[in-house]
């Protein structure tokens, strides 16, 4: 099943099985956030959600889950070749807001970051999956192993859904945000769970939205970001800066605004930070999950914020 991984990875077999389960769950829409071959709370909840959505018994271990659910998944890895265009697109992000606003695009800062995100991986897992790679001196033609996922851009290209030859995709009728579990779930019109994504929420309770029903308004692919300083000296005037779009934009690759001013669901340039209380108030997802939620929803999709 994971022939390429077994040839090129330095992972133990049991860990590789766990990695395979995480990948297969992610492919089905039930994400552990960054895939790393380590079984934890996020992975367990993804497995529980997947099994519950299909009325299947819950396997006791990730190894049992692989054997029972995913042993016929086929080769779930692919080999990608680093191109000159990949290297040329790398962008050093300055610290100054004024300098950030001058960028054409907020792209990845390294090939490690770029390909880890393509594979929905933690950077450490990307390194372990590709032993011997000199990440500081990547050349065009370098071959890298990553889990096989569609490009994020395919999820962002679903709108408008009525365009000719648009692929038929499931559509969410309801999105639920659990503040205590740091999770966002999507459901179809019949109540079947379509997806589960770990999220980050506001750092301070005062900035948490109240429990209750909202709706999505104006989903945007590849948004820019308006930056306003948190602190302005007395008598001073706040300077606003428009940061360009890109995977390292503060709101990531997708923005799903809510009908509560200043709040939305969006991506992040720091996927490994997801799953904690550390945002300014919005709900953050890994870019790949923000793109998939964007593909599931539309303006008017109901959102329930709860415990």
C-alpha atoms as a PDB file:
ATOM      1  CA  UNK A   1       0.000   0.000   0.000  1.00  0.00           C
ATOM      2  CA  UNK A   2       2.660   2.513   1.010  1.00  0.00           C
ATOM      3  CA  UNK A   3       5.478   1.101  -1.151  1.00  0.00           C
ATOM      4  CA  UNK A   4       7.135   4.451  -1.816  1.00  0.00           C
ATOM      5  CA  UNK A   5       7.149   5.306   1.857  1.00  0.00           C
ATOM      6  CA  UNK A   6       8.666   1.996   2.874  1.00  0.00           C
ATOM      7  CA  UNK A   7      11.434   2.428   0.319  1.00  0.00           C
ATOM      8  CA  UNK A   8      12.321   5.998   1.185  1.00  0.00           C
ATOM      9  CA  UNK A   9      11.199   6.635   4.763  1.00  0.00           C
ATOM     10  CA  UNK A  10      13.121   6.005   7.953  1.00  0.00           C
ATOM     11  CA  UNK A  11       9.918   5.457   9.925  1.00  0.00           C
ATOM     12  CA  UNK A  12       9.184   2.297  11.894  1.00  0.00           C
ATOM     13  CA  UNK A  13       6.509   0.096  10.341  1.00  0.00           C
ATOM     14  CA  UNK A  14       3.956   0.699  13.126  1.00  0.00           C
ATOM     15  CA  UNK A  15       4.499   4.437  12.818  1.00  0.00           C
ATOM     16  CA  UNK A  16       4.070   4.206   9.057  1.00  0.00           C
ATOM     17  CA  UNK A  17       0.736   2.428   9.578  1.00  0.00           C
ATOM     18  CA  UNK A  18      -0.351   5.262  11.842  1.00  0.00           C
ATOM     19  CA  UNK A  19       0.761   7.749   9.192  1.00  0.00           C
ATOM     20  CA  UNK A  20      -1.294   5.850   6.618  1.00  0.00           C
ATOM     21  CA  UNK A  21      -4.421   6.021   8.796  1.00  0.00           C
ATOM     22  CA  UNK A  22      -3.959   9.759   9.301  1.00  0.00           C
ATOM     23  CA  UNK A  23      -3.615  10.256   5.541  1.00  0.00           C
ATOM     24  CA  UNK A  24      -6.681   8.153   4.716  1.00  0.00           C
ATOM     25  CA  UNK A  25      -8.790   9.935   7.329  1.00  0.00           C
ATOM     26  CA  UNK A  26      -7.628  13.287   5.976  1.00  0.00           C
ATOM     27  CA  UNK A  27      -8.523  12.215   2.435  1.00  0.00           C
ATOM     28  CA  UNK A  28     -12.025  11.429   3.709  1.00  0.00           C
ATOM     29  CA  UNK A  29     -12.331  14.903   5.267  1.00  0.00           C
ATOM     30  CA  UNK A  30     -11.539  13.938   8.867  1.00  0.00           C
ATOM     31  CA  UNK A  31      -8.319  15.767   9.640  1.00  0.00           C
ATOM     32  CA  UNK A  32      -5.841  15.408  12.497  1.00  0.00           C
ATOM     33  CA  UNK A  33      -4.418  18.748  11.304  1.00  0.00           C
ATOM     34  CA  UNK A  34      -0.710  18.195  10.528  1.00  0.00           C
ATOM     35  CA  UNK A  35       0.013  14.559   9.691  1.00  0.00           C
ATOM     36  CA  UNK A  36       3.008  13.259  11.618  1.00  0.00           C
ATOM     37  CA  UNK A  37       2.700   9.508  12.271  1.00  0.00           C
ATOM     38  CA  UNK A  38       2.065  10.160  15.984  1.00  0.00           C
ATOM     39  CA  UNK A  39      -1.303   9.143  17.418  1.00  0.00           C
ATOM     40  CA  UNK A  40      -2.906  11.722  19.701  1.00  0.00           C
ATOM     41  CA  UNK A  41      -6.207  13.359  20.602  1.00  0.00           C
ATOM     42  CA  UNK A  42      -6.728  14.969  17.177  1.00  0.00           C
ATOM     43  CA  UNK A  43      -6.112  11.688  15.354  1.00  0.00           C
ATOM     44  CA  UNK A  44      -8.403   9.778  17.708  1.00  0.00           C
ATOM     45  CA  UNK A  45     -11.218  12.288  17.243  1.00  0.00           C
ATOM     46  CA  UNK A  46     -10.778  12.162  13.483  1.00  0.00           C
ATOM     47  CA  UNK A  47     -11.109   8.367  13.583  1.00  0.00           C
ATOM     48  CA  UNK A  48     -14.128   8.558  15.893  1.00  0.00           C
ATOM     49  CA  UNK A  49     -15.836  11.064  13.609  1.00  0.00           C
ATOM     50  CA  UNK A  50     -15.105   9.010  10.504  1.00  0.00           C
ATOM     51  CA  UNK A  51     -16.490   5.819  12.042  1.00  0.00           C
ATOM     52  CA  UNK A  52     -19.555   7.536  13.517  1.00  0.00           C
ATOM     53  CA  UNK A  53     -20.397   9.162  10.169  1.00  0.00           C
ATOM     54  CA  UNK A  54     -20.431   5.703   8.596  1.00  0.00           C
ATOM     55  CA  UNK A  55     -22.045   3.830  11.528  1.00  0.00           C
ATOM     56  CA  UNK A  56     -18.953   1.639  11.805  1.00  0.00           C
ATOM     57  CA  UNK A  57     -17.404   0.154  14.956  1.00  0.00           C
ATOM     58  CA  UNK A  58     -14.420   2.067  16.320  1.00  0.00           C
ATOM     59  CA  UNK A  59     -11.136   0.109  15.999  1.00  0.00           C
ATOM     60  CA  UNK A  60      -9.127   0.018  19.242  1.00  0.00           C
ATOM     61  CA  UNK A  61      -5.777   1.114  17.777  1.00  0.00           C
ATOM     62  CA  UNK A  62      -4.497   2.919  14.683  1.00  0.00           C
ATOM     63  CA  UNK A  63      -2.935  -0.330  13.491  1.00  0.00           C
ATOM     64  CA  UNK A  64      -6.326  -2.054  13.795  1.00  0.00           C
ATOM     65  CA  UNK A  65      -7.928   0.908  12.043  1.00  0.00           C
ATOM     66  CA  UNK A  66      -5.570   0.533   9.121  1.00  0.00           C
ATOM     67  CA  UNK A  67      -6.195  -3.208   8.841  1.00  0.00           C
ATOM     68  CA  UNK A  68      -9.990  -2.863   9.156  1.00  0.00           C
ATOM     69  CA  UNK A  69     -10.627   0.322   7.176  1.00  0.00           C
ATOM     70  CA  UNK A  70      -7.803   1.281   4.861  1.00  0.00           C
ATOM     71  CA  UNK A  71      -5.710  -1.742   3.884  1.00  0.00           C
ATOM     72  CA  UNK A  72      -7.022  -1.515   0.299  1.00  0.00           C
ATOM     73  CA  UNK A  73      -6.374   2.216  -0.080  1.00  0.00           C
ATOM     74  CA  UNK A  74      -3.637   1.731  -2.672  1.00  0.00           C
ATOM     75  CA  UNK A  75      -0.457   3.790  -2.795  1.00  0.00           C
ATOM     76  CA  UNK A  76      -1.226   6.935  -0.824  1.00  0.00           C
ATOM     77  CA  UNK A  77       2.109   8.637  -1.486  1.00  0.00           C
ATOM     78  CA  UNK A  78       3.608  10.279  -4.525  1.00  0.00           C
ATOM     79  CA  UNK A  79       7.010  11.543  -5.565  1.00  0.00           C
ATOM     80  CA  UNK A  80       7.181  15.218  -6.520  1.00  0.00           C
ATOM     81  CA  UNK A  81      10.097  16.932  -8.218  1.00  0.00           C
ATOM     82  CA  UNK A  82      11.151  20.381  -7.025  1.00  0.00           C
ATOM     83  CA  UNK A  83      11.115  22.810  -9.934  1.00  0.00           C
ATOM     84  CA  UNK A  84      12.969  26.052 -10.589  1.00  0.00           C
ATOM     85  CA  UNK A  85       9.588  27.808 -10.405  1.00  0.00           C
ATOM     86  CA  UNK A  86       9.099  26.405  -6.884  1.00  0.00           C
ATOM     87  CA  UNK A  87      12.457  27.787  -5.781  1.00  0.00           C
ATOM     88  CA  UNK A  88      11.993  31.116  -7.541  1.00  0.00           C
ATOM     89  CA  UNK A  89       8.633  31.628  -5.798  1.00  0.00           C
ATOM     90  CA  UNK A  90      10.108  31.498  -2.281  1.00  0.00           C
ATOM     91  CA  UNK A  91       9.596  34.749  -0.421  1.00  0.00           C
ATOM     92  CA  UNK A  92      11.335  36.202   2.611  1.00  0.00           C
ATOM     93  CA  UNK A  93       8.594  37.845   4.671  1.00  0.00           C
ATOM     94  CA  UNK A  94       9.825  41.064   6.318  1.00  0.00           C
ATOM     95  CA  UNK A  95       8.847  42.068   9.849  1.00  0.00           C
ATOM     96  CA  UNK A  96       7.680  45.559   9.019  1.00  0.00           C
ATOM     97  CA  UNK A  97       3.988  45.902   8.089  1.00  0.00           C
ATOM     98  CA  UNK A  98       4.905  48.586   5.560  1.00  0.00           C
ATOM     99  CA  UNK A  99       7.402  46.252   3.873  1.00  0.00           C
ATOM    100  CA  UNK A 100       4.934  43.359   3.901  1.00  0.00           C
ATOM    101  CA  UNK A 101       2.439  45.561   2.088  1.00  0.00           C
ATOM    102  CA  UNK A 102       4.982  46.065  -0.701  1.00  0.00           C
ATOM    103  CA  UNK A 103       5.209  42.338  -1.499  1.00  0.00           C
ATOM    104  CA  UNK A 104       3.513  40.998  -4.616  1.00  0.00           C
ATOM    105  CA  UNK A 105       2.537  37.775  -2.849  1.00  0.00           C
ATOM    106  CA  UNK A 106       3.079  36.208   0.552  1.00  0.00           C
ATOM    107  CA  UNK A 107       4.568  32.914  -0.602  1.00  0.00           C
ATOM    108  CA  UNK A 108       6.309  30.112   1.252  1.00  0.00           C
ATOM    109  CA  UNK A 109       9.687  30.854   2.778  1.00  0.00           C
ATOM    110  CA  UNK A 110      11.256  27.451   2.134  1.00  0.00           C
ATOM    111  CA  UNK A 111      10.838  24.287   0.080  1.00  0.00           C
ATOM    112  CA  UNK A 112      10.395  22.369   3.340  1.00  0.00           C
ATOM    113  CA  UNK A 113       7.428  24.570   4.260  1.00  0.00           C
ATOM    114  CA  UNK A 114       5.985  24.413   0.734  1.00  0.00           C
ATOM    115  CA  UNK A 115       6.076  20.637   0.353  1.00  0.00           C
ATOM    116  CA  UNK A 116       5.049  19.922   3.951  1.00  0.00           C
ATOM    117  CA  UNK A 117       1.877  21.922   3.260  1.00  0.00           C
ATOM    118  CA  UNK A 118       1.292  20.092  -0.023  1.00  0.00           C
ATOM    119  CA  UNK A 119       1.370  16.842   1.932  1.00  0.00           C
ATOM    120  CA  UNK A 120      -0.588  18.166   4.970  1.00  0.00           C
ATOM    121  CA  UNK A 121       2.484  17.260   7.038  1.00  0.00           C
ATOM    122  CA  UNK A 122       4.336  18.645  10.003  1.00  0.00           C
ATOM    123  CA  UNK A 123       7.775  19.862   8.990  1.00  0.00           C
ATOM    124  CA  UNK A 124       9.399  17.215  11.187  1.00  0.00           C
ATOM    125  CA  UNK A 125       7.396  14.471   9.438  1.00  0.00           C
ATOM    126  CA  UNK A 126       8.433  15.905   6.056  1.00  0.00           C
ATOM    127  CA  UNK A 127      12.081  15.721   7.095  1.00  0.00           C
ATOM    128  CA  UNK A 128      11.738  12.172   8.398  1.00  0.00           C
ATOM    129  CA  UNK A 129       9.927  11.076   5.268  1.00  0.00           C
ATOM    130  CA  UNK A 130      12.810  12.368   3.171  1.00  0.00           C
ATOM    131  CA  UNK A 131      16.035  11.491   5.035  1.00  0.00           C
ATOM    132  CA  UNK A 132      19.290  12.844   3.668  1.00  0.00           C
ATOM    133  CA  UNK A 133      17.776  15.907   1.967  1.00  0.00           C
ATOM    134  CA  UNK A 134      19.804  19.081   2.444  1.00  0.00           C
ATOM    135  CA  UNK A 135      16.899  21.430   2.997  1.00  0.00           C
ATOM    136  CA  UNK A 136      19.096  24.528   3.068  1.00  0.00           C
ATOM    137  CA  UNK A 137      20.447  23.839  -0.440  1.00  0.00           C
ATOM    138  CA  UNK A 138      17.554  22.395  -2.447  1.00  0.00           C
ATOM    139  CA  UNK A 139      18.188  22.271  -6.194  1.00  0.00           C
ATOM    140  CA  UNK A 140      15.713  21.900  -9.081  1.00  0.00           C
ATOM    141  CA  UNK A 141      15.199  18.229  -9.800  1.00  0.00           C
ATOM    142  CA  UNK A 142      15.239  17.149  -6.140  1.00  0.00           C
ATOM    143  CA  UNK A 143      12.674  14.367  -5.680  1.00  0.00           C
ATOM    144  CA  UNK A 144      10.561  14.382  -2.533  1.00  0.00           C
ATOM    145  CA  UNK A 145       8.029  11.918  -1.110  1.00  0.00           C
ATOM    146  CA  UNK A 146       4.755  13.382   0.183  1.00  0.00           C
ATOM    147  CA  UNK A 147       1.242  12.038   0.864  1.00  0.00           C
ATOM    148  CA  UNK A 148      -0.896  12.205  -2.259  1.00  0.00           C
ATOM    149  CA  UNK A 149      -3.463  15.012  -1.894  1.00  0.00           C
ATOM    150  CA  UNK A 150      -5.066  17.229  -4.538  1.00  0.00           C
ATOM    151  CA  UNK A 151      -3.533  20.704  -4.787  1.00  0.00           C
ATOM    152  CA  UNK A 152      -5.121  23.290  -2.501  1.00  0.00           C
ATOM    153  CA  UNK A 153      -5.953  25.322  -5.588  1.00  0.00           C
ATOM    154  CA  UNK A 154      -8.416  22.669  -6.754  1.00  0.00           C
ATOM    155  CA  UNK A 155     -10.533  23.259  -3.642  1.00  0.00           C
ATOM    156  CA  UNK A 156     -10.349  27.016  -4.120  1.00  0.00           C
ATOM    157  CA  UNK A 157     -11.471  26.733  -7.763  1.00  0.00           C
ATOM    158  CA  UNK A 158     -14.935  25.323  -7.025  1.00  0.00           C
ATOM    159  CA  UNK A 159     -16.724  28.664  -7.273  1.00  0.00           C
ATOM    160  CA  UNK A 160     -18.919  29.535  -8.978  1.00  0.00           C
ATOM    161  CA  UNK A 161     -20.460  26.110  -8.646  1.00  0.00           C
ATOM    162  CA  UNK A 162     -22.751  26.705 -11.620  1.00  0.00           C
ATOM    163  CA  UNK A 163     -19.884  27.134 -14.055  1.00  0.00           C
ATOM    164  CA  UNK A 164     -19.874  24.657 -16.980  1.00  0.00           C
ATOM    165  CA  UNK A 165     -18.385  21.257 -16.194  1.00  0.00           C
ATOM    166  CA  UNK A 166     -17.933  22.076 -12.492  1.00  0.00           C
ATOM    167  CA  UNK A 167     -17.206  18.866 -10.556  1.00  0.00           C
ATOM    168  CA  UNK A 168     -20.064  17.653  -8.370  1.00  0.00           C
ATOM    169  CA  UNK A 169     -19.064  18.059  -4.741  1.00  0.00           C
ATOM    170  CA  UNK A 170     -20.860  17.537  -1.443  1.00  0.00           C
ATOM    171  CA  UNK A 171     -22.322  20.689   0.055  1.00  0.00           C
ATOM    172  CA  UNK A 172     -22.520  21.565   3.711  1.00  0.00           C
ATOM    173  CA  UNK A 173     -25.860  22.706   5.077  1.00  0.00           C
ATOM    174  CA  UNK A 174     -24.492  23.304   8.573  1.00  0.00           C
ATOM    175  CA  UNK A 175     -21.112  24.065  10.142  1.00  0.00           C
ATOM    176  CA  UNK A 176     -20.620  23.583  13.877  1.00  0.00           C
ATOM    177  CA  UNK A 177     -17.815  25.200  15.871  1.00  0.00           C
ATOM    178  CA  UNK A 178     -16.964  23.575  19.214  1.00  0.00           C
ATOM    179  CA  UNK A 179     -15.086  26.035  21.424  1.00  0.00           C
ATOM    180  CA  UNK A 180     -14.159  23.431  24.045  1.00  0.00           C
ATOM    181  CA  UNK A 181     -12.933  20.827  21.547  1.00  0.00           C
ATOM    182  CA  UNK A 182     -11.244  23.317  19.170  1.00  0.00           C
ATOM    183  CA  UNK A 183     -13.046  21.725  16.229  1.00  0.00           C
ATOM    184  CA  UNK A 184     -15.105  22.666  13.216  1.00  0.00           C
ATOM    185  CA  UNK A 185     -17.467  20.077  11.727  1.00  0.00           C
ATOM    186  CA  UNK A 186     -19.525  20.206   8.536  1.00  0.00           C
ATOM    187  CA  UNK A 187     -22.814  18.371   7.914  1.00  0.00           C
ATOM    188  CA  UNK A 188     -24.988  17.832   4.863  1.00  0.00           C
ATOM    189  CA  UNK A 189     -28.714  18.544   4.645  1.00  0.00           C
ATOM    190  CA  UNK A 190     -29.496  15.086   6.065  1.00  0.00           C
ATOM    191  CA  UNK A 191     -27.310  15.569   9.131  1.00  0.00           C
ATOM    192  CA  UNK A 192     -24.462  13.353   7.952  1.00  0.00           C
ATOM    193  CA  UNK A 193     -21.052  14.576   9.019  1.00  0.00           C
ATOM    194  CA  UNK A 194     -18.940  15.463   5.999  1.00  0.00           C
ATOM    195  CA  UNK A 195     -15.783  16.736   7.620  1.00  0.00           C
ATOM    196  CA  UNK A 196     -13.979  17.494  10.850  1.00  0.00           C
ATOM    197  CA  UNK A 197     -11.154  20.028  11.165  1.00  0.00           C
ATOM    198  CA  UNK A 198      -9.124  21.038  14.235  1.00  0.00           C
ATOM    199  CA  UNK A 199      -9.179  24.816  14.715  1.00  0.00           C
ATOM    200  CA  UNK A 200      -7.759  27.573  16.879  1.00  0.00           C
ATOM    201  CA  UNK A 201      -9.974  30.029  18.737  1.00  0.00           C
ATOM    202  CA  UNK A 202      -9.576  33.414  20.449  1.00  0.00           C
ATOM    203  CA  UNK A 203      -6.832  33.765  23.028  1.00  0.00           C
ATOM    204  CA  UNK A 204      -9.062  35.738  25.401  1.00  0.00           C
ATOM    205  CA  UNK A 205     -12.617  34.861  26.418  1.00  0.00           C
ATOM    206  CA  UNK A 206     -13.730  38.438  25.795  1.00  0.00           C
ATOM    207  CA  UNK A 207     -13.060  37.993  22.079  1.00  0.00           C
ATOM    208  CA  UNK A 208     -14.897  34.682  21.747  1.00  0.00           C
ATOM    209  CA  UNK A 209     -18.146  35.014  19.781  1.00  0.00           C
ATOM    210  CA  UNK A 210     -21.285  34.213  21.792  1.00  0.00           C
ATOM    211  CA  UNK A 211     -22.870  30.800  21.500  1.00  0.00           C
ATOM    212  CA  UNK A 212     -25.570  30.733  18.900  1.00  0.00           C
ATOM    213  CA  UNK A 213     -26.320  30.703  15.202  1.00  0.00           C
ATOM    214  CA  UNK A 214     -24.466  32.700  12.562  1.00  0.00           C
ATOM    215  CA  UNK A 215     -24.052  32.315   8.819  1.00  0.00           C
ATOM    216  CA  UNK A 216     -21.280  32.532   6.277  1.00  0.00           C
ATOM    217  CA  UNK A 217     -21.199  35.698   4.204  1.00  0.00           C
ATOM    218  CA  UNK A 218     -18.885  36.332   1.285  1.00  0.00           C
ATOM    219  CA  UNK A 219     -16.408  33.441   1.139  1.00  0.00           C
ATOM    220  CA  UNK A 220     -13.180  34.590  -0.531  1.00  0.00           C
ATOM    221  CA  UNK A 221     -10.404  32.501  -2.068  1.00  0.00           C
ATOM    222  CA  UNK A 222      -6.850  33.848  -1.789  1.00  0.00           C
ATOM    223  CA  UNK A 223      -7.822  36.906   0.258  1.00  0.00           C
ATOM    224  CA  UNK A 224      -5.589  39.818   1.103  1.00  0.00           C
ATOM    225  CA  UNK A 225      -5.408  41.111   4.673  1.00  0.00           C
ATOM    226  CA  UNK A 226      -5.881  44.564   6.129  1.00  0.00           C
ATOM    227  CA  UNK A 227      -3.468  45.131   8.998  1.00  0.00           C
ATOM    228  CA  UNK A 228      -4.173  47.709  11.693  1.00  0.00           C
ATOM    229  CA  UNK A 229      -1.841  47.955  14.729  1.00  0.00           C
ATOM    230  CA  UNK A 230      -3.310  46.831  18.040  1.00  0.00           C
ATOM    231  CA  UNK A 231      -1.772  49.811  19.794  1.00  0.00           C
ATOM    232  CA  UNK A 232      -1.784  53.435  18.643  1.00  0.00           C
ATOM    233  CA  UNK A 233      -0.075  56.126  20.737  1.00  0.00           C
ATOM    234  CA  UNK A 234      -2.400  58.736  22.239  1.00  0.00           C
ATOM    235  CA  UNK A 235      -3.042  61.396  19.653  1.00  0.00           C
ATOM    236  CA  UNK A 236      -1.622  59.199  16.920  1.00  0.00           C
ATOM    237  CA  UNK A 237      -3.380  57.852  13.859  1.00  0.00           C
ATOM    238  CA  UNK A 238      -3.605  54.165  13.028  1.00  0.00           C
ATOM    239  CA  UNK A 239      -1.848  53.239   9.816  1.00  0.00           C
ATOM    240  CA  UNK A 240      -3.567  50.538   7.787  1.00  0.00           C
ATOM    241  CA  UNK A 241      -1.629  48.284   5.447  1.00  0.00           C
ATOM    242  CA  UNK A 242      -2.951  45.817   2.878  1.00  0.00           C
ATOM    243  CA  UNK A 243      -0.949  42.594   2.855  1.00  0.00           C
ATOM    244  CA  UNK A 244      -1.162  40.618  -0.405  1.00  0.00           C
ATOM    245  CA  UNK A 245      -2.630  37.145  -0.762  1.00  0.00           C
ATOM    246  CA  UNK A 246      -0.656  33.937  -0.507  1.00  0.00           C
ATOM    247  CA  UNK A 247      -0.204  30.918   1.770  1.00  0.00           C
ATOM    248  CA  UNK A 248       1.714  33.040   4.298  1.00  0.00           C
ATOM    249  CA  UNK A 249      -0.910  35.774   4.401  1.00  0.00           C
ATOM    250  CA  UNK A 250      -2.187  36.094   8.003  1.00  0.00           C
ATOM    251  CA  UNK A 251      -5.592  34.725   6.914  1.00  0.00           C
ATOM    252  CA  UNK A 252      -4.127  32.007   4.722  1.00  0.00           C
ATOM    253  CA  UNK A 253      -5.653  30.917   1.429  1.00  0.00           C
ATOM    254  CA  UNK A 254      -9.368  31.215   2.242  1.00  0.00           C
ATOM    255  CA  UNK A 255     -11.667  33.501   4.208  1.00  0.00           C
ATOM    256  CA  UNK A 256     -15.235  32.612   5.178  1.00  0.00           C
ATOM    257  CA  UNK A 257     -16.679  35.727   6.758  1.00  0.00           C
ATOM    258  CA  UNK A 258     -19.430  35.467   9.366  1.00  0.00           C
ATOM    259  CA  UNK A 259     -22.369  37.812   9.831  1.00  0.00           C
ATOM    260  CA  UNK A 260     -20.739  39.041  13.027  1.00  0.00           C
ATOM    261  CA  UNK A 261     -18.512  42.007  12.210  1.00  0.00           C
ATOM    262  CA  UNK A 262     -14.815  41.196  12.400  1.00  0.00           C
ATOM    263  CA  UNK A 263     -15.257  37.423  12.668  1.00  0.00           C
ATOM    264  CA  UNK A 264     -14.588  34.677  10.175  1.00  0.00           C
ATOM    265  CA  UNK A 265     -13.112  31.252   9.543  1.00  0.00           C
ATOM    266  CA  UNK A 266      -9.798  31.329   7.705  1.00  0.00           C
ATOM    267  CA  UNK A 267      -6.464  29.686   6.986  1.00  0.00           C
ATOM    268  CA  UNK A 268      -3.096  30.383   8.567  1.00  0.00           C
ATOM    269  CA  UNK A 269       0.591  30.467   7.607  1.00  0.00           C
ATOM    270  CA  UNK A 270       1.343  28.439  10.773  1.00  0.00           C
ATOM    271  CA  UNK A 271      -0.551  25.136  10.525  1.00  0.00           C
ATOM    272  CA  UNK A 272       1.313  23.501  13.400  1.00  0.00           C
ATOM    273  CA  UNK A 273      -0.132  26.102  15.785  1.00  0.00           C
ATOM    274  CA  UNK A 274      -3.706  24.913  15.195  1.00  0.00           C
ATOM    275  CA  UNK A 275      -5.663  23.449  18.101  1.00  0.00           C
ATOM    276  CA  UNK A 276      -5.183  26.088  20.789  1.00  0.00           C
ATOM    277  CA  UNK A 277      -6.552  29.393  22.048  1.00  0.00           C
ATOM    278  CA  UNK A 278      -4.200  31.776  20.277  1.00  0.00           C
ATOM    279  CA  UNK A 279      -6.111  33.742  17.636  1.00  0.00           C
ATOM    280  CA  UNK A 280      -7.357  37.330  17.873  1.00  0.00           C
ATOM    281  CA  UNK A 281     -10.972  36.151  17.699  1.00  0.00           C
ATOM    282  CA  UNK A 282     -11.479  34.357  14.397  1.00  0.00           C
ATOM    283  CA  UNK A 283     -11.407  30.602  13.864  1.00  0.00           C
ATOM    284  CA  UNK A 284      -8.169  29.428  12.250  1.00  0.00           C
ATOM    285  CA  UNK A 285      -7.672  26.280  10.196  1.00  0.00           C
ATOM    286  CA  UNK A 286      -4.687  24.793   8.408  1.00  0.00           C
ATOM    287  CA  UNK A 287      -4.712  26.160   4.861  1.00  0.00           C
ATOM    288  CA  UNK A 288      -5.698  22.822   3.324  1.00  0.00           C
ATOM    289  CA  UNK A 289      -8.667  22.530   5.691  1.00  0.00           C
ATOM    290  CA  UNK A 290      -9.713  26.138   5.153  1.00  0.00           C
ATOM    291  CA  UNK A 291      -9.699  25.449   1.408  1.00  0.00           C
ATOM    292  CA  UNK A 292     -11.812  22.318   1.858  1.00  0.00           C
ATOM    293  CA  UNK A 293     -14.330  24.079   4.085  1.00  0.00           C
ATOM    294  CA  UNK A 294     -14.496  26.841   1.475  1.00  0.00           C
ATOM    295  CA  UNK A 295     -15.317  24.184  -1.125  1.00  0.00           C
ATOM    296  CA  UNK A 296     -18.120  22.779   1.045  1.00  0.00           C
ATOM    297  CA  UNK A 297     -19.820  26.059   1.935  1.00  0.00           C
ATOM    298  CA  UNK A 298     -21.420  29.084   0.309  1.00  0.00           C
ATOM    299  CA  UNK A 299     -22.859  32.430   1.348  1.00  0.00           C
ATOM    300  CA  UNK A 300     -25.745  31.664   3.690  1.00  0.00           C
ATOM    301  CA  UNK A 301     -24.430  28.370   5.080  1.00  0.00           C
ATOM    302  CA  UNK A 302     -25.528  28.118   8.717  1.00  0.00           C
ATOM    303  CA  UNK A 303     -22.848  28.172  11.434  1.00  0.00           C
ATOM    304  CA  UNK A 304     -23.562  27.221  15.043  1.00  0.00           C
ATOM    305  CA  UNK A 305     -21.023  28.228  17.693  1.00  0.00           C
ATOM    306  CA  UNK A 306     -21.284  26.156  20.847  1.00  0.00           C
ATOM    307  CA  UNK A 307     -19.400  24.574  23.724  1.00  0.00           C
END
